[in-house]
Amino acid sequence: MGMENTSLVIMVGGASSRMKRSLQTEGGEGIMTNIPHKSLIPVGKNGRPFLYYLVKNAIEAGYKKLYLITSPGNKAFQEFKDQAGLPKSLKVLLAVQTVPEGREKPLGTADALQQCMDQYPELKQTAFTVCNGDNLYSVEALKDLRKDRKAPHALISYGSSGFDYTEERIAKFAVMNISPEGFLQEIIEKPKVEDVPKYRDASGELRVSMNIFSFSGKDIYPFVKNCPIDPVRNEKELPKAVAILVSQHPREVLCIPRSEHIPDLTDANDIQLFKNLE
């Protein structure tokens, strides 16, 4: 690839209605009423925002620039940037995903990335990693996406047996069809439960995407820009942009296998796992 990847883009713009519902049903009323995004939920022994720990892992993995894609009312992220006590070695930049005229909600993750790249055109000339703001990806996973590779793009493909999730929960993720050489062939968002078994690989493992990718900016940009709006969710979704890319360029997205649990903030049960963070 030859381009050093030292930039991490984290998507923290979306509304977190799922999380709020999940916490309310778990008896956590009140905790989320004044928190603008789930990535800012206080966790760990010192009650730091969840995002702090993800950023800490990114620094340990060698990233130098952080781009946070936020919603227009992003005062809380501005404060996080100014006061979170993050190491000075990291440059933090805020991008704002504006909501198009006539819509109530933002236009989805592919649109979020496009708006970020339009606001910071240097991303169109470099390699970068992009991920969700509500999953605690490991230092090693973040490091894997910085390694030199021949393909312009890569993603982490998680073996479902490494997760502490139910089959039913796993079916809500995106499953993948990967070529014998390790290239992404298809990415299937929220497959039907009865279809899940046909995506198991030769070893019986389901390969799952957790929305953590590394892209060559100039090569991904046209695909996020031209991503169609999903008829059901009414959003432009990043996995769809990637699916269209691999349908045209079948050897451009390398799948890097890992097996580990990723604690997920949208799951009230996983919140227990954050209690001991320092």
Protein backbone atom coordinates (compact mmCIF):
# COMPACT_ATOMS: atom_id res chain seq x y z
CA MET A 1 0.00 0.00 0.00
CA GLY A 2 2.88 2.31 0.74
CA MET A 3 0.75 4.99 2.41
CA GLU A 4 1.22 5.26 6.12
CA ASN A 5 -2.05 5.09 7.98
CA THR A 6 -1.93 7.33 11.06
CA SER A 7 -5.46 8.78 10.88
CA LEU A 8 -8.51 7.38 12.65
CA VAL A 9 -12.04 8.53 11.85
CA ILE A 10 -14.65 7.73 14.53
CA MET A 11 -18.35 8.03 13.77
CA VAL A 12 -20.17 9.51 16.76
CA GLY A 13 -22.98 11.37 15.02
CA GLY A 14 -25.92 8.99 14.93
CA ALA A 15 -28.86 9.22 17.31
CA SER A 16 -28.71 6.49 19.94
CA SER A 17 -32.38 5.64 20.35
CA ARG A 18 -31.60 1.91 20.53
CA MET A 19 -29.27 2.41 23.45
CA LYS A 20 -31.72 4.66 25.28
CA ARG A 21 -34.45 2.05 24.90
CA SER A 22 -32.13 -0.73 26.01
CA LEU A 23 -31.11 1.18 29.14
CA GLN A 24 -34.66 2.09 29.99
CA THR A 25 -35.73 -1.53 29.90
CA GLU A 26 -32.77 -2.45 32.12
CA GLY A 27 -33.92 -0.02 34.79
CA GLY A 28 -31.33 2.61 33.87
CA GLU A 29 -33.72 5.52 33.55
CA GLY A 30 -32.10 8.89 33.75
CA ILE A 31 -28.55 7.84 32.88
CA MET A 32 -28.92 8.82 29.22
CA THR A 33 -31.32 11.72 29.36
CA ASN A 34 -28.60 14.35 29.20
CA ILE A 35 -25.89 12.44 27.30
CA PRO A 36 -25.91 13.42 23.62
CA HIS A 37 -24.25 10.27 22.32
CA LYS A 38 -23.61 6.82 23.73
CA SER A 39 -19.84 7.19 23.17
CA LEU A 40 -19.87 9.79 25.98
CA ILE A 41 -21.49 7.51 28.59
CA PRO A 42 -19.27 7.55 31.67
CA VAL A 43 -17.69 4.13 32.28
CA GLY A 44 -14.88 2.60 34.33
CA LYS A 45 -13.56 3.38 37.77
CA ASN A 46 -13.10 7.08 37.07
CA GLY A 47 -16.32 7.62 35.11
CA ARG A 48 -14.51 8.77 31.99
CA PRO A 49 -16.47 8.96 28.72
CA PHE A 50 -16.40 5.62 26.89
CA LEU A 51 -14.76 7.34 23.91
CA TYR A 52 -11.70 8.11 26.02
CA TYR A 53 -10.82 4.39 26.18
CA LEU A 54 -11.26 3.87 22.45
CA VAL A 55 -9.01 6.88 21.78
CA LYS A 56 -6.46 5.57 24.29
CA ASN A 57 -6.31 2.28 22.35
CA ALA A 58 -5.90 4.22 19.11
CA ILE A 59 -2.93 6.15 20.50
CA GLU A 60 -1.34 2.91 21.69
CA ALA A 61 -1.87 1.50 18.18
CA GLY A 62 0.11 4.42 16.71
CA TYR A 63 -2.55 6.79 15.37
CA LYS A 64 -1.61 10.47 15.38
CA LYS A 65 -4.74 12.21 14.06
CA LEU A 66 -8.29 11.68 15.18
CA TYR A 67 -11.34 12.87 13.25
CA LEU A 68 -14.64 12.72 15.13
CA ILE A 69 -17.75 12.86 12.94
CA THR A 70 -20.36 14.58 15.10
CA SER A 71 -23.89 15.95 14.83
CA PRO A 72 -24.39 19.71 14.43
CA GLY A 73 -25.03 20.32 18.15
CA ASN A 74 -21.65 18.93 19.13
CA LYS A 75 -20.78 21.04 22.18
CA ALA A 76 -20.23 17.87 24.24
CA PHE A 77 -17.62 16.62 21.77
CA GLN A 78 -15.97 20.03 21.72
CA GLU A 79 -15.72 19.73 25.51
CA PHE A 80 -14.45 16.15 25.26
CA LYS A 81 -11.76 17.37 22.89
CA ASP A 82 -10.80 20.25 25.20
CA GLN A 83 -11.08 18.55 28.58
CA ALA A 84 -10.75 14.79 28.21
CA GLY A 85 -7.09 14.93 29.20
CA LEU A 86 -6.08 13.08 26.04
CA PRO A 87 -2.35 12.82 25.37
CA LYS A 88 -0.99 15.82 23.51
CA SER A 89 0.53 13.51 20.90
CA LEU A 90 -2.88 13.28 19.24
CA LYS A 91 -4.41 15.91 17.00
CA VAL A 92 -8.22 15.91 17.38
CA LEU A 93 -10.39 17.36 14.60
CA LEU A 94 -14.18 17.63 14.60
CA ALA A 95 -16.26 17.12 11.46
CA VAL A 96 -19.99 17.90 11.46
CA GLN A 97 -22.50 15.73 9.60
CA THR A 98 -25.27 18.13 8.68
CA VAL A 99 -28.81 16.86 8.06
CA PRO A 100 -30.04 17.50 4.50
CA GLU A 101 -32.93 19.89 3.91
CA GLY A 102 -36.28 18.18 4.48
CA ARG A 103 -34.92 15.34 6.60
CA GLU A 104 -35.14 14.88 10.37
CA LYS A 105 -32.28 12.42 10.70
CA PRO A 106 -28.78 12.34 9.23
CA LEU A 107 -28.29 10.45 6.00
CA GLY A 108 -26.27 7.51 7.39
CA THR A 109 -22.67 6.38 7.79
CA ALA A 110 -21.56 6.60 4.13
CA ASP A 111 -22.81 10.18 4.08
CA ALA A 112 -21.04 10.85 7.40
CA LEU A 113 -17.72 9.72 5.93
CA GLN A 114 -18.25 11.72 2.74
CA GLN A 115 -19.00 14.91 4.71
CA CYS A 116 -15.91 14.35 6.87
CA MET A 117 -13.72 13.87 3.76
CA ASP A 118 -15.20 17.00 2.18
CA GLN A 119 -14.40 19.00 5.32
CA TYR A 120 -10.88 17.54 5.60
CA PRO A 121 -9.76 16.96 1.98
CA GLU A 122 -6.41 15.56 3.16
CA LEU A 123 -8.36 12.34 3.85
CA LYS A 124 -8.92 11.99 0.09
CA GLN A 125 -5.15 11.72 -0.39
CA THR A 126 -4.24 9.34 2.41
CA ALA A 127 -5.03 6.01 4.02
CA PHE A 128 -7.12 6.05 7.18
CA THR A 129 -9.10 3.80 9.51
CA VAL A 130 -12.80 4.39 10.21
CA CYS A 131 -14.90 2.82 12.96
CA ASN A 132 -17.96 3.19 15.19
CA GLY A 133 -17.78 5.25 18.36
CA ASP A 134 -19.65 2.73 20.49
CA ASN A 135 -17.47 -0.39 20.20
CA LEU A 136 -14.23 -0.84 22.14
CA TYR A 137 -11.91 -2.15 19.44
CA SER A 138 -8.65 -3.63 20.70
CA VAL A 139 -5.22 -2.04 20.28
CA GLU A 140 -4.24 -5.03 18.11
CA ALA A 141 -7.24 -4.67 15.78
CA LEU A 142 -6.50 -0.96 15.35
CA LYS A 143 -2.84 -1.84 14.73
CA ASP A 144 -3.71 -4.54 12.15
CA LEU A 145 -5.32 -1.89 9.95
CA ARG A 146 -2.12 0.19 9.98
CA LYS A 147 0.06 -2.65 8.65
CA ASP A 148 1.42 -2.51 5.13
CA ARG A 149 -0.71 -4.40 2.62
CA LYS A 150 -1.02 -4.70 -1.13
CA ALA A 151 -4.78 -4.09 -1.25
CA PRO A 152 -6.03 -0.47 -1.06
CA HIS A 153 -8.62 -1.33 1.61
CA ALA A 154 -8.98 -3.71 4.54
CA LEU A 155 -11.38 -4.61 7.30
CA ILE A 156 -11.27 -6.73 10.42
CA SER A 157 -13.30 -9.92 9.98
CA TYR A 158 -14.28 -11.21 13.39
CA GLY A 159 -14.85 -14.92 13.97
CA SER A 160 -18.27 -15.17 15.59
CA SER A 161 -17.06 -17.92 17.96
CA GLY A 162 -14.89 -15.27 19.66
CA PHE A 163 -17.95 -13.24 20.66
CA ASP A 164 -19.94 -13.68 23.85
CA TYR A 165 -23.14 -13.00 21.90
CA THR A 166 -26.15 -15.17 21.14
CA GLU A 167 -26.67 -16.48 17.58
CA GLU A 168 -29.72 -14.25 17.37
CA ARG A 169 -27.62 -11.22 18.25
CA ILE A 170 -24.90 -12.19 15.76
CA ALA A 171 -27.53 -12.33 13.00
CA LYS A 172 -28.05 -8.58 13.57
CA PHE A 173 -24.46 -7.87 12.49
CA ALA A 174 -23.14 -7.89 8.93
CA VAL A 175 -21.84 -11.29 7.83
CA MET A 176 -19.30 -11.74 5.08
CA ASN A 177 -18.42 -14.00 2.23
CA ILE A 178 -14.61 -14.06 1.90
CA SER A 179 -12.56 -15.54 -0.97
CA PRO A 180 -9.98 -18.27 -0.22
CA GLU A 181 -7.23 -15.59 -0.68
CA GLY A 182 -8.84 -13.46 2.02
CA PHE A 183 -10.60 -10.82 -0.10
CA LEU A 184 -14.10 -9.61 0.68
CA GLN A 185 -16.63 -10.95 -1.86
CA GLU A 186 -19.90 -9.92 -0.23
CA ILE A 187 -21.02 -8.15 2.91
CA ILE A 188 -24.59 -8.92 4.02
CA GLU A 189 -26.18 -6.58 6.54
CA LYS A 190 -28.53 -8.19 9.09
CA PRO A 191 -29.05 -11.46 7.18
CA LYS A 192 -32.21 -13.50 7.70
CA VAL A 193 -31.67 -15.89 10.61
CA GLU A 194 -32.36 -18.92 8.37
CA ASP A 195 -29.73 -17.74 5.86
CA VAL A 196 -26.95 -17.32 8.42
CA PRO A 197 -25.61 -20.93 8.23
CA LYS A 198 -24.82 -20.64 4.52
CA TYR A 199 -22.25 -17.92 5.25
CA ARG A 200 -20.13 -20.14 7.52
CA ASP A 201 -16.63 -20.64 6.12
CA ALA A 202 -14.82 -23.97 5.61
CA SER A 203 -13.97 -24.12 9.32
CA GLY A 204 -17.61 -23.54 10.30
CA GLU A 205 -16.88 -19.97 11.41
CA LEU A 206 -19.15 -17.03 10.64
CA ARG A 207 -17.15 -13.98 9.68
CA VAL A 208 -18.66 -10.77 10.98
CA SER A 209 -17.94 -7.11 10.21
CA MET A 210 -18.01 -4.72 13.16
CA ASN A 211 -17.74 -1.61 10.99
CA ILE A 212 -14.00 -1.13 11.32
CA PHE A 213 -12.30 -0.52 7.98
CA SER A 214 -9.11 0.97 6.58
CA PHE A 215 -9.49 2.77 3.28
CA SER A 216 -7.40 4.47 0.65
CA GLY A 217 -9.20 7.82 0.63
CA LYS A 218 -9.09 8.52 -3.08
CA ASP A 219 -10.36 5.01 -3.92
CA ILE A 220 -13.26 4.90 -1.44
CA TYR A 221 -14.49 8.46 -1.95
CA PRO A 222 -16.56 7.91 -5.13
CA PHE A 223 -18.26 4.91 -3.50
CA VAL A 224 -19.37 6.80 -0.39
CA LYS A 225 -20.42 9.75 -2.51
CA ASN A 226 -22.50 7.64 -4.90
CA CYS A 227 -23.82 5.20 -2.30
CA PRO A 228 -27.55 4.57 -2.88
CA ILE A 229 -30.09 5.26 -0.14
CA ASP A 230 -31.24 2.03 1.50
CA PRO A 231 -34.98 1.67 0.78
CA VAL A 232 -35.76 0.27 4.24
CA ARG A 233 -33.55 2.34 6.55
CA ASN A 234 -33.63 5.40 4.29
CA GLU A 235 -29.90 6.00 4.83
CA LYS A 236 -26.66 5.76 2.88
CA GLU A 237 -24.78 3.04 4.74
CA LEU A 238 -21.03 2.47 4.65
CA PRO A 239 -21.26 -1.35 4.33
CA LYS A 240 -23.38 -0.84 1.21
CA ALA A 241 -20.71 1.44 -0.30
CA VAL A 242 -18.12 -1.28 0.47
CA ALA A 243 -20.40 -3.98 -1.04
CA ILE A 244 -20.66 -2.02 -4.29
CA LEU A 245 -16.89 -1.43 -4.32
CA VAL A 246 -16.14 -5.18 -4.02
CA SER A 247 -18.71 -6.07 -6.66
CA GLN A 248 -16.65 -3.94 -9.08
CA HIS A 249 -13.16 -4.60 -7.63
CA PRO A 250 -13.18 -8.09 -6.09
CA ARG A 251 -9.55 -8.01 -4.87
CA GLU A 252 -9.40 -4.61 -3.22
CA VAL A 253 -10.72 -5.23 0.31
CA LEU A 254 -8.50 -7.49 2.38
CA CYS A 255 -10.16 -9.26 5.33
CA ILE A 256 -7.93 -9.49 8.40
CA PRO A 257 -9.22 -12.25 10.70
CA ARG A 258 -9.41 -11.78 14.47
CA SER A 259 -11.20 -13.62 17.23
CA GLU A 260 -12.10 -11.62 20.34
CA HIS A 261 -15.14 -10.22 22.08
CA ILE A 262 -15.92 -6.57 21.43
CA PRO A 263 -17.91 -5.07 24.27
CA ASP A 264 -20.76 -3.15 22.74
CA LEU A 265 -22.33 -0.10 24.31
CA THR A 266 -25.67 -0.69 22.58
CA ASP A 267 -26.09 -3.75 24.78
CA ALA A 268 -27.02 -2.92 28.36
CA ASN A 269 -25.66 -6.34 29.46
CA ASP A 270 -22.18 -5.53 28.14
CA ILE A 271 -22.01 -2.41 30.31
CA GLN A 272 -20.84 -4.67 33.15
CA LEU A 273 -17.66 -5.28 31.14
CA PHE A 274 -16.71 -1.61 31.37
CA LYS A 275 -16.79 -1.40 35.15
CA ASN A 276 -13.08 -2.14 35.63
CA LEU A 277 -11.56 0.20 33.05
CA GLU A 278 -8.86 2.34 34.63
